[in-house]
């Protein structure tokens, strides 16, 4: 990658783009262009091969059957796993988050193999569905402001030894385990249950991915007024009594 270019890959928009998650690709692209970067964006449908030369890969949420199909095709393709081995950054949401783990429960009620890029295992929750606005504190090591998003999932995700919690929940359910954590990450692979789309509510996450891809410690400032207005509105919604 040259110093002024960024290759952005949006994976399977035909299967995994529930709740406007494709907006994450739009925000990352815009935030990069605001910094003068030449963005090469590729939307890869499920009948196409995953390129291994991307810098940032984004995966959204989806219904149970599309999730199963996506996992099967990503394993068969192998391109995303190879890209991660080459140092690529991956950010995933909901069904995409579960797919990056070792396994999840599919639409047939069976244990489905995931990509194993995150040390997590997802099962199906027995209680109420996790639905509503969430406010959480992102791992201090990442240096980001509080996380705001919208969760809508029945899945419960358990973190293994090598996965770090992405955030600690103040309001909401997060991973659904009861330990108060939301999402998971390792060095270059991130997963969250947050929709919204999450990047529109949290543009600093997009900036983090860009910094990791460029291997820099800081980016030039960008206009955050619109994002901040949305953030404050949704944070207020999360903290309102039910």
Protein backbone atom coordinates (compact mmCIF):
# COMPACT_ATOMS: atom_id res chain seq x y z
CA UNK A 1 0.00 0.00 0.00
CA UNK A 2 1.29 3.45 -0.86
CA UNK A 3 1.20 6.20 1.77
CA UNK A 4 -1.84 7.90 0.19
CA UNK A 5 -4.02 4.93 -0.77
CA UNK A 6 -6.34 2.57 1.06
CA UNK A 7 -7.94 -0.62 -0.23
CA UNK A 8 -11.35 -1.18 1.40
CA UNK A 9 -13.27 -4.45 0.92
CA UNK A 10 -16.98 -4.80 1.79
CA UNK A 11 -17.74 -8.53 2.09
CA UNK A 12 -20.97 -10.11 0.81
CA UNK A 13 -23.38 -7.16 0.71
CA UNK A 14 -25.93 -9.54 -0.85
CA UNK A 15 -25.94 -11.71 2.30
CA UNK A 16 -24.65 -9.60 5.19
CA UNK A 17 -25.94 -6.03 5.17
CA UNK A 18 -28.77 -6.00 7.72
CA UNK A 19 -29.72 -2.79 9.58
CA UNK A 20 -27.76 -0.55 7.24
CA UNK A 21 -24.38 -2.04 8.09
CA UNK A 22 -23.12 -1.07 4.65
CA UNK A 23 -23.04 2.44 6.09
CA UNK A 24 -19.83 1.37 7.84
CA UNK A 25 -18.10 1.12 4.47
CA UNK A 26 -19.40 4.56 3.52
CA UNK A 27 -18.07 6.12 6.73
CA UNK A 28 -14.63 4.50 6.50
CA UNK A 29 -14.38 5.59 2.87
CA UNK A 30 -15.40 9.17 3.69
CA UNK A 31 -13.12 9.46 6.73
CA UNK A 32 -10.20 8.25 4.61
CA UNK A 33 -10.95 10.68 1.79
CA UNK A 34 -11.19 13.55 4.28
CA UNK A 35 -7.54 12.80 5.08
CA UNK A 36 -6.54 12.98 1.43
CA UNK A 37 -6.32 9.23 0.89
CA UNK A 38 -7.09 7.60 -2.44
CA UNK A 39 -9.68 4.93 -1.51
CA UNK A 40 -10.13 1.87 -3.68
CA UNK A 41 -13.37 0.26 -2.52
CA UNK A 42 -14.41 -3.22 -3.66
CA UNK A 43 -17.85 -4.70 -2.88
CA UNK A 44 -17.51 -8.50 -3.09
CA UNK A 45 -20.69 -10.49 -3.64
CA UNK A 46 -21.01 -14.03 -2.35
CA UNK A 47 -20.40 -15.54 -5.81
CA UNK A 48 -17.08 -13.71 -6.13
CA UNK A 49 -13.64 -14.43 -4.70
CA UNK A 50 -12.37 -12.45 -1.73
CA UNK A 51 -9.28 -10.46 -2.76
CA UNK A 52 -6.29 -10.91 -0.48
CA UNK A 53 -4.73 -7.50 -1.19
CA UNK A 54 -7.19 -5.38 0.86
CA UNK A 55 -6.14 -3.21 3.78
CA UNK A 56 -9.50 -3.09 5.63
CA UNK A 57 -12.29 -5.69 5.35
CA UNK A 58 -15.81 -5.00 6.64
CA UNK A 59 -18.54 -7.60 7.32
CA UNK A 60 -22.11 -6.80 8.36
CA UNK A 61 -24.99 -8.62 9.99
CA UNK A 62 -27.54 -10.94 8.40
CA UNK A 63 -30.33 -13.42 8.98
CA UNK A 64 -29.57 -16.98 10.10
CA UNK A 65 -29.59 -18.69 6.68
CA UNK A 66 -27.47 -16.03 4.92
CA UNK A 67 -25.07 -16.25 7.87
CA UNK A 68 -24.66 -19.99 7.33
CA UNK A 69 -24.13 -19.54 3.59
CA UNK A 70 -21.63 -16.75 4.15
CA UNK A 71 -19.60 -18.81 6.61
CA UNK A 72 -19.50 -21.81 4.27
CA UNK A 73 -18.39 -19.68 1.33
CA UNK A 74 -15.77 -17.74 3.27
CA UNK A 75 -14.23 -20.98 4.53
CA UNK A 76 -14.28 -22.48 1.06
CA UNK A 77 -12.82 -19.32 -0.47
CA UNK A 78 -10.04 -18.84 2.09
CA UNK A 79 -9.23 -15.33 0.90
CA UNK A 80 -10.15 -13.50 4.11
CA UNK A 81 -8.05 -15.81 6.27
CA UNK A 82 -5.09 -15.32 3.95
CA UNK A 83 -5.57 -11.54 4.05
CA UNK A 84 -5.51 -11.58 7.87
CA UNK A 85 -2.33 -13.65 7.77
CA UNK A 86 -0.87 -10.86 5.64
CA UNK A 87 -1.80 -8.25 8.28
CA UNK A 88 -5.17 -7.00 7.00
CA UNK A 89 -7.64 -5.30 9.35
CA UNK A 90 -11.14 -6.83 9.76
CA UNK A 91 -14.18 -5.25 11.41
CA UNK A 92 -17.32 -7.36 11.74
CA UNK A 93 -20.85 -6.82 13.02
CA UNK A 94 -23.34 -9.28 14.58
CA UNK A 95 -23.60 -12.30 12.24
CA UNK A 96 -20.23 -11.32 10.78
CA UNK A 97 -18.81 -11.24 14.32
CA UNK A 98 -20.06 -14.77 14.99
CA UNK A 99 -18.67 -15.99 11.66
CA UNK A 100 -15.17 -14.83 12.62
CA UNK A 101 -15.27 -17.05 15.72
CA UNK A 102 -14.74 -20.79 16.01
CA UNK A 103 -18.42 -21.74 15.75
CA UNK A 104 -22.02 -20.53 16.07
CA UNK A 105 -25.52 -22.04 15.93
CA UNK A 106 -26.97 -21.89 12.41
CA UNK A 107 -30.54 -21.72 11.10
CA UNK A 108 -30.81 -25.52 11.28
CA UNK A 109 -30.06 -25.50 15.00
CA UNK A 110 -26.66 -27.06 14.34
CA UNK A 111 -23.15 -26.04 15.37
CA UNK A 112 -21.61 -24.29 12.37
CA UNK A 113 -17.89 -23.89 11.84
CA UNK A 114 -16.60 -20.33 11.68
CA UNK A 115 -13.32 -18.91 10.38
CA UNK A 116 -11.51 -19.04 13.72
CA UNK A 117 -10.06 -15.55 13.28
CA UNK A 118 -11.35 -14.55 16.73
CA UNK A 119 -11.11 -16.76 19.80
CA UNK A 120 -14.87 -16.72 20.48
CA UNK A 121 -17.73 -19.24 20.38
CA UNK A 122 -21.36 -18.21 19.89
CA UNK A 123 -24.41 -20.10 21.10
CA UNK A 124 -28.12 -19.32 21.11
CA UNK A 125 -29.44 -17.49 24.16
CA UNK A 126 -32.26 -19.00 26.17
CA UNK A 127 -33.62 -15.76 27.59
CA UNK A 128 -35.01 -12.59 26.08
CA UNK A 129 -33.62 -11.28 22.82
CA UNK A 130 -31.02 -8.52 23.24
CA UNK A 131 -32.63 -5.45 21.66
CA UNK A 132 -32.06 -1.75 22.19
CA UNK A 133 -29.56 1.07 22.42
CA UNK A 134 -26.22 0.32 24.05
CA UNK A 135 -23.62 2.49 25.74
CA UNK A 136 -20.25 0.96 26.56
CA UNK A 137 -16.67 1.93 27.40
CA UNK A 138 -14.21 0.72 24.78
CA UNK A 139 -11.06 -1.03 26.01
CA UNK A 140 -8.77 1.80 27.23
CA UNK A 141 -5.87 0.29 25.26
CA UNK A 142 -7.60 1.43 22.07
CA UNK A 143 -7.88 5.04 23.22
CA UNK A 144 -11.41 5.64 21.92
CA UNK A 145 -14.44 7.47 23.36
CA UNK A 146 -17.50 5.51 24.60
CA UNK A 147 -19.24 3.16 22.19
CA UNK A 148 -22.86 3.77 21.16
CA UNK A 149 -24.86 1.34 19.04
CA UNK A 150 -28.04 -0.66 18.61
CA UNK A 151 -28.14 -4.38 19.38
CA UNK A 152 -30.67 -6.91 18.07
CA UNK A 153 -29.52 -10.50 18.55
CA UNK A 154 -30.41 -13.78 20.21
CA UNK A 155 -26.85 -15.05 20.10
CA UNK A 156 -24.55 -15.28 23.11
CA UNK A 157 -20.81 -14.99 22.50
CA UNK A 158 -18.18 -16.42 24.86
CA UNK A 159 -14.62 -15.10 24.70
CA UNK A 160 -11.62 -17.40 24.76
CA UNK A 161 -8.18 -16.72 26.22
CA UNK A 162 -6.75 -14.79 23.27
CA UNK A 163 -9.75 -12.52 22.65
CA UNK A 164 -9.96 -9.18 24.43
CA UNK A 165 -13.36 -7.62 25.18
CA UNK A 166 -13.96 -4.71 22.81
CA UNK A 167 -15.97 -2.76 25.39
CA UNK A 168 -17.51 -2.85 28.87
CA UNK A 169 -21.26 -2.23 28.84
CA UNK A 170 -22.90 0.52 30.88
CA UNK A 171 -26.36 0.10 29.35
CA UNK A 172 -27.43 -2.89 27.26
CA UNK A 173 -26.57 -6.58 27.02
CA UNK A 174 -23.52 -6.76 24.75
CA UNK A 175 -22.28 -10.33 24.26
CA UNK A 176 -25.22 -11.63 26.30
CA UNK A 177 -23.07 -13.72 28.64
CA UNK A 178 -23.80 -11.64 31.71
CA UNK A 179 -20.21 -10.52 32.27
CA UNK A 180 -20.90 -7.03 30.96
CA UNK A 181 -18.64 -7.25 27.93
CA UNK A 182 -19.44 -6.27 24.34
CA UNK A 183 -17.61 -7.52 21.28
CA UNK A 184 -14.08 -8.87 21.02
CA UNK A 185 -10.81 -8.17 19.25
CA UNK A 186 -7.23 -9.23 18.81
CA UNK A 187 -4.45 -7.31 17.08
CA UNK A 188 -6.16 -6.74 13.71
CA UNK A 189 -9.57 -8.44 13.92
CA UNK A 190 -12.59 -6.81 15.59
CA UNK A 191 -16.14 -7.98 16.27
CA UNK A 192 -19.18 -6.26 17.75
CA UNK A 193 -22.95 -6.69 17.99
CA UNK A 194 -23.47 -2.97 17.42
CA UNK A 195 -25.56 -1.79 14.47
CA UNK A 196 -26.52 1.80 13.88
CA UNK A 197 -24.52 1.63 11.58
CA UNK A 198 -21.84 1.58 14.25
CA UNK A 199 -19.34 3.72 12.30
CA UNK A 200 -21.84 6.57 11.87
CA UNK A 201 -22.25 6.67 15.63
CA UNK A 202 -18.57 6.06 16.31
CA UNK A 203 -16.40 7.59 13.56
CA UNK A 204 -13.33 7.21 15.76
CA UNK A 205 -13.56 3.45 15.20
CA UNK A 206 -13.24 4.07 11.46
CA UNK A 207 -10.25 6.30 12.20
CA UNK A 208 -8.69 3.53 14.30
CA UNK A 209 -8.98 1.05 11.42
CA UNK A 210 -7.42 3.57 9.04
CA UNK A 211 -4.52 4.24 11.43
CA UNK A 212 -3.89 0.52 11.83
CA UNK A 213 -3.93 0.03 8.07
CA UNK A 214 -1.54 2.95 7.52
CA UNK A 215 0.57 2.01 10.56
CA UNK A 216 0.45 5.56 11.93
CA UNK A 217 -0.28 6.91 15.41
CA UNK A 218 -2.50 9.84 14.39
CA UNK A 219 -4.56 11.25 11.53
CA UNK A 220 -5.27 14.87 10.56
CA UNK A 221 -8.46 16.17 12.20
CA UNK A 222 -11.81 15.83 10.42
CA UNK A 223 -15.17 17.55 10.84
CA UNK A 224 -17.04 15.57 13.54
CA UNK A 225 -19.99 17.90 14.12
CA UNK A 226 -22.62 15.72 12.40
CA UNK A 227 -21.32 12.55 14.01
CA UNK A 228 -21.16 14.13 17.44
CA UNK A 229 -24.75 15.34 17.22
CA UNK A 230 -25.88 11.79 16.37
CA UNK A 231 -23.71 10.33 19.14
CA UNK A 232 -25.17 12.59 21.81
CA UNK A 233 -28.72 11.88 20.66
CA UNK A 234 -28.22 8.10 20.81
CA UNK A 235 -26.25 8.18 24.09
CA UNK A 236 -29.16 10.09 25.63
CA UNK A 237 -31.57 7.46 24.27
CA UNK A 238 -29.51 4.64 25.80
CA UNK A 239 -29.52 6.24 29.23
CA UNK A 240 -33.24 7.04 29.35
CA UNK A 241 -35.22 4.94 31.85
CA UNK A 242 -37.21 2.16 30.14
